[in-house]
Protein backbone atom coordinates (compact mmCIF):
# COMPACT_ATOMS: atom_id res chain seq x y z
CA UNK A 1 0.00 0.00 0.00
CA UNK A 2 2.92 2.32 0.79
CA UNK A 3 4.31 1.84 -2.74
CA UNK A 4 0.90 2.51 -4.28
CA UNK A 5 0.59 5.76 -2.31
CA UNK A 6 4.09 6.78 -3.41
CA UNK A 7 3.26 6.06 -7.06
CA UNK A 8 0.03 8.05 -6.85
CA UNK A 9 1.98 10.96 -5.35
CA UNK A 10 4.49 10.95 -8.20
CA UNK A 11 1.70 10.88 -10.79
CA UNK A 12 -0.04 13.78 -9.06
CA UNK A 13 3.14 15.90 -9.11
CA UNK A 14 3.67 15.11 -12.82
CA UNK A 15 0.11 16.15 -13.61
CA UNK A 16 0.56 19.45 -11.78
CA UNK A 17 3.77 20.17 -13.70
CA UNK A 18 2.05 19.53 -17.05
CA UNK A 19 -0.81 21.87 -16.16
CA UNK A 20 1.61 24.59 -15.07
CA UNK A 21 3.56 24.25 -18.31
CA UNK A 22 0.47 25.24 -20.31
CA UNK A 23 -0.71 27.91 -17.91
CA UNK A 24 -0.17 31.64 -17.69
CA UNK A 25 2.09 31.52 -14.61
CA UNK A 26 5.43 31.01 -16.29
CA UNK A 27 7.73 33.16 -14.15
CA UNK A 28 9.93 30.21 -13.25
CA UNK A 29 10.43 29.05 -16.84
CA UNK A 30 13.80 30.00 -18.27
CA UNK A 31 15.08 29.35 -21.75
CA UNK A 32 18.44 27.54 -21.67
CA UNK A 33 19.70 28.69 -25.05
CA UNK A 34 20.78 32.02 -26.54
CA UNK A 35 18.98 33.55 -28.30
CA UNK A 36 15.99 32.29 -26.33
CA UNK A 37 13.33 32.88 -29.00
CA UNK A 38 12.58 32.90 -32.70
CA UNK A 39 10.28 35.72 -33.88
CA UNK A 40 8.14 35.56 -37.00
CA UNK A 41 6.42 38.94 -37.18
CA UNK A 42 4.89 41.71 -39.26
CA UNK A 43 4.51 45.44 -38.68
CA UNK A 44 2.89 48.23 -40.70
CA UNK A 45 1.36 51.70 -40.40
CA UNK A 46 -2.43 52.05 -40.32
CA UNK A 47 -3.04 55.38 -38.57
CA UNK A 48 -0.83 53.87 -35.90
CA UNK A 49 1.88 51.22 -35.88
CA UNK A 50 0.35 47.73 -35.75
CA UNK A 51 2.19 44.45 -35.32
CA UNK A 52 1.60 40.73 -34.93
CA UNK A 53 4.37 38.58 -33.48
CA UNK A 54 4.61 34.81 -33.25
CA UNK A 55 7.40 33.96 -30.81
CA UNK A 56 8.71 30.41 -30.69
CA UNK A 57 10.89 29.13 -27.86
CA UNK A 58 14.35 27.83 -28.70
CA UNK A 59 14.73 25.28 -25.92
CA UNK A 60 12.52 26.99 -23.33
CA UNK A 61 8.84 26.34 -22.67
CA UNK A 62 7.73 29.96 -22.94
CA UNK A 63 9.91 32.73 -24.45
CA UNK A 64 7.93 35.42 -22.64
CA UNK A 65 8.07 38.91 -24.20
CA UNK A 66 8.18 41.67 -21.60
CA UNK A 67 7.84 44.71 -23.88
CA UNK A 68 8.47 46.18 -27.33
CA UNK A 69 9.87 49.61 -28.15
CA UNK A 70 9.62 51.40 -31.51
CA UNK A 71 12.13 54.22 -31.73
CA UNK A 72 11.92 55.87 -28.31
CA UNK A 73 8.30 54.86 -27.67
CA UNK A 74 7.30 51.90 -25.51
CA UNK A 75 4.40 50.09 -27.16
CA UNK A 76 1.06 49.05 -25.73
CA UNK A 77 0.44 45.31 -25.97
CA UNK A 78 -3.19 44.88 -27.03
CA UNK A 79 -3.37 41.13 -26.61
CA UNK A 80 -1.15 38.17 -25.97
CA UNK A 81 -1.41 34.50 -25.12
CA UNK A 82 0.72 31.41 -24.71
CA UNK A 83 -0.23 28.57 -27.05
CA UNK A 84 1.20 25.28 -25.83
CA UNK A 85 -0.40 22.77 -28.19
CA UNK A 86 1.51 21.37 -31.15
CA UNK A 87 4.39 23.75 -31.89
CA UNK A 88 4.33 26.06 -28.82
CA UNK A 89 4.44 29.79 -29.43
CA UNK A 90 3.73 33.06 -27.67
CA UNK A 91 1.46 35.42 -29.66
CA UNK A 92 1.64 39.19 -29.19
CA UNK A 93 -0.36 41.93 -30.88
CA UNK A 94 0.78 45.47 -30.15
CA UNK A 95 0.13 48.99 -31.39
CA UNK A 96 1.78 52.35 -30.90
CA UNK A 97 0.03 55.62 -31.70
CA UNK A 98 3.24 57.61 -31.23
CA UNK A 99 4.97 56.00 -34.22
CA UNK A 100 3.24 58.21 -36.85
CA UNK A 101 4.85 61.24 -35.16
CA UNK A 102 8.28 59.60 -35.07
CA UNK A 103 8.24 58.07 -38.53
CA UNK A 104 6.93 58.82 -41.98
CA UNK A 105 5.94 56.16 -44.47
CA UNK A 106 9.09 54.62 -45.90
CA UNK A 107 11.26 55.43 -42.88
CA UNK A 108 13.33 52.65 -41.38
CA UNK A 109 11.94 51.89 -37.94
CA UNK A 110 14.10 50.61 -35.10
CA UNK A 111 12.37 47.97 -32.96
CA UNK A 112 13.63 46.54 -29.67
CA UNK A 113 12.25 43.38 -28.08
CA UNK A 114 12.76 42.78 -24.33
CA UNK A 115 12.26 39.42 -22.67
CA UNK A 116 13.58 37.77 -19.51
CA UNK A 117 16.41 40.24 -19.02
CA UNK A 118 17.54 40.00 -22.63
CA UNK A 119 17.07 42.26 -25.65
CA UNK A 120 17.13 42.04 -29.45
CA UNK A 121 16.78 44.67 -32.16
CA UNK A 122 15.40 44.82 -35.68
CA UNK A 123 15.21 47.45 -38.41
CA UNK A 124 12.58 47.46 -41.15
CA UNK A 125 11.15 50.00 -43.59
CA UNK A 126 7.59 50.86 -42.56
CA UNK A 127 4.89 50.48 -45.20
CA UNK A 128 1.50 52.13 -44.88
CA UNK A 129 -1.49 49.85 -45.38
CA UNK A 130 -3.62 52.61 -46.91
CA UNK A 131 -1.05 54.44 -49.05
CA UNK A 132 1.34 51.67 -50.12
CA UNK A 133 -1.21 49.88 -52.27
CA UNK A 134 -1.05 47.74 -55.39
CA UNK A 135 -2.69 49.10 -58.57
CA UNK A 136 -2.79 46.81 -61.59
CA UNK A 137 -1.98 48.04 -65.07
CA UNK A 138 -2.92 44.93 -67.07
CA UNK A 139 -4.69 42.78 -67.97
CA UNK A 140 -8.16 44.24 -67.49
CA UNK A 141 -10.34 42.64 -64.85
CA UNK A 142 -12.49 39.92 -66.38
CA UNK A 143 -10.50 39.91 -69.62
CA UNK A 144 -10.70 36.74 -71.74
CA UNK A 145 -7.29 35.23 -72.40
CA UNK A 146 -6.35 32.52 -74.92
CA UNK A 147 -5.58 29.01 -73.81
CA UNK A 148 -1.93 27.97 -73.54
CA UNK A 149 -0.52 31.52 -73.85
CA UNK A 150 1.48 33.15 -71.01
CA UNK A 151 -0.40 35.84 -69.10
CA UNK A 152 1.66 38.78 -67.89
CA UNK A 153 0.24 40.57 -64.86
CA UNK A 154 1.62 44.11 -64.47
CA UNK A 155 1.13 46.58 -61.60
CA UNK A 156 2.40 50.03 -60.66
CA UNK A 157 5.57 50.26 -58.60
CA UNK A 158 4.99 50.88 -54.90
CA UNK A 159 7.63 53.42 -53.88
CA UNK A 160 8.41 51.90 -50.49
CA UNK A 161 8.21 48.23 -51.46
CA UNK A 162 11.38 46.13 -51.61
CA UNK A 163 9.67 43.05 -53.06
CA UNK A 164 6.18 41.69 -53.75
CA UNK A 165 4.42 38.67 -52.32
CA UNK A 166 2.15 36.84 -54.78
CA UNK A 167 -0.68 34.36 -54.43
CA UNK A 168 -2.41 32.93 -57.47
CA UNK A 169 -5.06 30.33 -58.12
CA UNK A 170 -6.50 28.91 -61.31
CA UNK A 171 -8.91 26.31 -62.59
CA UNK A 172 -9.17 24.44 -65.85
CA UNK A 173 -11.26 21.66 -67.32
CA UNK A 174 -9.71 18.25 -67.91
CA UNK A 175 -11.09 14.89 -68.94
CA UNK A 176 -11.87 14.08 -65.31
CA UNK A 177 -13.51 17.42 -64.50
CA UNK A 178 -12.38 20.72 -63.03
CA UNK A 179 -8.83 20.99 -61.72
CA UNK A 180 -8.15 23.66 -59.09
CA UNK A 181 -4.67 24.81 -58.10
CA UNK A 182 -3.11 27.53 -55.93
CA UNK A 183 0.49 28.65 -55.53
CA UNK A 184 2.67 31.27 -53.80
CA UNK A 185 5.45 33.26 -55.46
CA UNK A 186 7.34 36.54 -55.18
CA UNK A 187 8.86 39.16 -57.47
CA UNK A 188 11.34 42.03 -57.21
CA UNK A 189 9.90 43.96 -60.14
CA UNK A 190 6.29 44.82 -61.02
CA UNK A 191 5.41 41.90 -63.27
CA UNK A 192 4.53 38.27 -62.87
CA UNK A 193 4.06 35.87 -65.78
CA UNK A 194 1.59 33.04 -65.48
CA UNK A 195 3.14 30.38 -67.73
CA UNK A 196 1.01 29.12 -70.59
CA UNK A 197 2.04 25.51 -70.06
CA UNK A 198 0.47 25.47 -66.60
CA UNK A 199 -2.80 24.57 -68.27
CA UNK A 200 -3.09 22.08 -71.12
CA UNK A 201 -6.84 22.06 -71.40
CA UNK A 202 -9.63 24.62 -71.23
CA UNK A 203 -8.64 27.39 -68.82
CA UNK A 204 -11.49 28.52 -66.62
CA UNK A 205 -9.94 31.44 -64.73
CA UNK A 206 -6.76 32.81 -63.18
CA UNK A 207 -6.82 35.04 -60.08
CA UNK A 208 -3.76 36.72 -58.63
CA UNK A 209 -3.28 38.70 -55.41
CA UNK A 210 -0.15 40.86 -54.96
CA UNK A 211 1.04 42.53 -51.74
CA UNK A 212 3.94 45.03 -51.40
CA UNK A 213 6.53 44.00 -48.80
CA UNK A 214 9.64 45.39 -47.11
CA UNK A 215 12.19 43.52 -45.05
CA UNK A 216 13.86 40.13 -45.51
CA UNK A 217 12.82 38.37 -48.71
CA UNK A 218 12.21 34.64 -49.27
CA UNK A 219 15.49 34.24 -51.18
CA UNK A 220 17.56 35.32 -48.17
CA UNK A 221 19.02 32.95 -45.63
CA UNK A 222 18.95 35.22 -42.58
CA UNK A 223 16.48 37.48 -40.85
CA UNK A 224 16.76 41.02 -39.51
CA UNK A 225 16.60 40.40 -35.76
CA UNK A 226 19.81 40.26 -33.73
CA UNK A 227 20.62 40.07 -30.03
CA UNK A 228 20.51 37.63 -27.13
CA UNK A 229 16.71 37.48 -26.74
CA UNK A 230 15.57 36.50 -30.24
CA UNK A 231 16.52 35.78 -33.80
CA UNK A 232 14.17 35.75 -36.81
CA UNK A 233 12.45 38.26 -39.04
CA UNK A 234 9.95 41.09 -38.95
CA UNK A 235 8.44 42.37 -42.20
CA UNK A 236 6.26 45.28 -43.23
CA UNK A 237 3.53 45.15 -45.87
CA UNK A 238 0.97 47.34 -47.60
CA UNK A 239 -2.47 46.78 -49.06
CA UNK A 240 -2.71 44.07 -51.68
CA UNK A 241 -4.86 43.99 -54.77
CA UNK A 242 -6.42 41.23 -56.85
CA UNK A 243 -6.90 40.74 -60.58
CA UNK A 244 -8.89 37.93 -62.23
CA UNK A 245 -9.16 36.91 -65.89
CA UNK A 246 -11.13 34.25 -67.74
CA UNK A 247 -9.88 31.60 -70.10
CA UNK A 248 -11.55 31.32 -73.48
CA UNK A 249 -14.19 28.61 -73.50
CA UNK A 250 -17.89 28.06 -73.23
CA UNK A 251 -18.77 31.08 -71.12
CA UNK A 252 -21.43 33.17 -72.84
CA UNK A 253 -21.48 36.30 -70.69
CA UNK A 254 -18.26 37.92 -69.58
CA UNK A 255 -19.85 41.22 -68.57
CA UNK A 256 -20.59 40.04 -65.02
CA UNK A 257 -17.51 38.28 -63.67
CA UNK A 258 -18.46 35.66 -61.11
CA UNK A 259 -14.98 34.86 -59.82
CA UNK A 260 -14.78 35.25 -56.06
CA UNK A 261 -11.69 37.15 -54.87
CA UNK A 262 -9.04 34.92 -53.33
CA UNK A 263 -9.56 34.37 -49.61
CA UNK A 264 -6.01 34.74 -48.31
CA UNK A 265 -4.26 37.05 -45.85
CA UNK A 266 -0.94 38.85 -46.24
CA UNK A 267 0.45 36.86 -43.33
CA UNK A 268 -0.50 33.57 -45.01
CA UNK A 269 1.28 34.62 -48.22
CA UNK A 270 4.42 35.67 -46.34
CA UNK A 271 4.48 32.52 -44.19
CA UNK A 272 4.03 30.19 -47.15
CA UNK A 273 6.84 31.90 -49.08
CA UNK A 274 9.31 31.44 -46.23
CA UNK A 275 8.32 27.79 -45.86
CA UNK A 276 9.71 27.03 -49.33
C-alpha cells in the first residue's frame, strides 16, 4: 500500500507540472539557449503602428516577451497568449500611436524586443497599409485570355516596397472534371508571368493577389533580428490587390464576372513563401 501511495503521489506531481507548463504563470520558466526565442512577425502603419508577433521558444517552454519599443516609444500590448499545443508559441499583438509622429511612411523603424532580461533589435522600412497599395496596369479585370498563352500581370511600382508577395489560383477543365490549383510566389519587379504551359486544357480562370513588402525576402538565408533574446524576421507590408481573368471557352457572358476574390491574408502569403 505504501508503494501505491508513493506512485500516486508521483503521478499527481507530474500532472501538476504539465498543467503549469500550459498555464499563464510562467515566471519560473527560463530558456536555456541564446537567443531564447525565434520571432516571425509583421509590422505596418495604419493610422498607428500595428504588429503581430509569433514567438517560438528555442529550448525553453515559454519565451515570454516583456515589452516592445519602436524608436523611443514603448508600445502598448493589445493582446497576448501562450499557445502550448503542437508547436508552442507566444502570440503578441501590439500597437503604438506615437509611431506616426516619429516616422513617416518609408522610414526605417528601429524595434527593440525585451524578454527575460535579454534584448534584441530589428530594423525594417515601414509600409503604410492605406497608401502603399497595389494598382494593376494589365490585364483588365475579367479579360478573356487565350488558352496555352502566357499571361503577364503588371502593376504600378509601390515606392516603399522592396519586393512583392504573390498568391495565385486557377482552374481548368480536364477529362476528369475541373482541376483547381493555388500557388505562392514573389517578385522584385512589377510583373509576374503566369506560364502558358500550366494549363493544357480549357482554362477557366486565373486570379492573382499581390502585396507590397519590405524587409527580408524569401530568397535570403537570414532574418533582420539580432541580439541575445531573439533571432528571426519582422516584415512590413501594404495593401494588396487582386486581378482575375477568364480563359476562353464556353462562357457566354463575360460582362458580369463571377470569380470570387481569393480568400487569403498577407500573413499567409508571407508565411508560405518562407516555408519554401
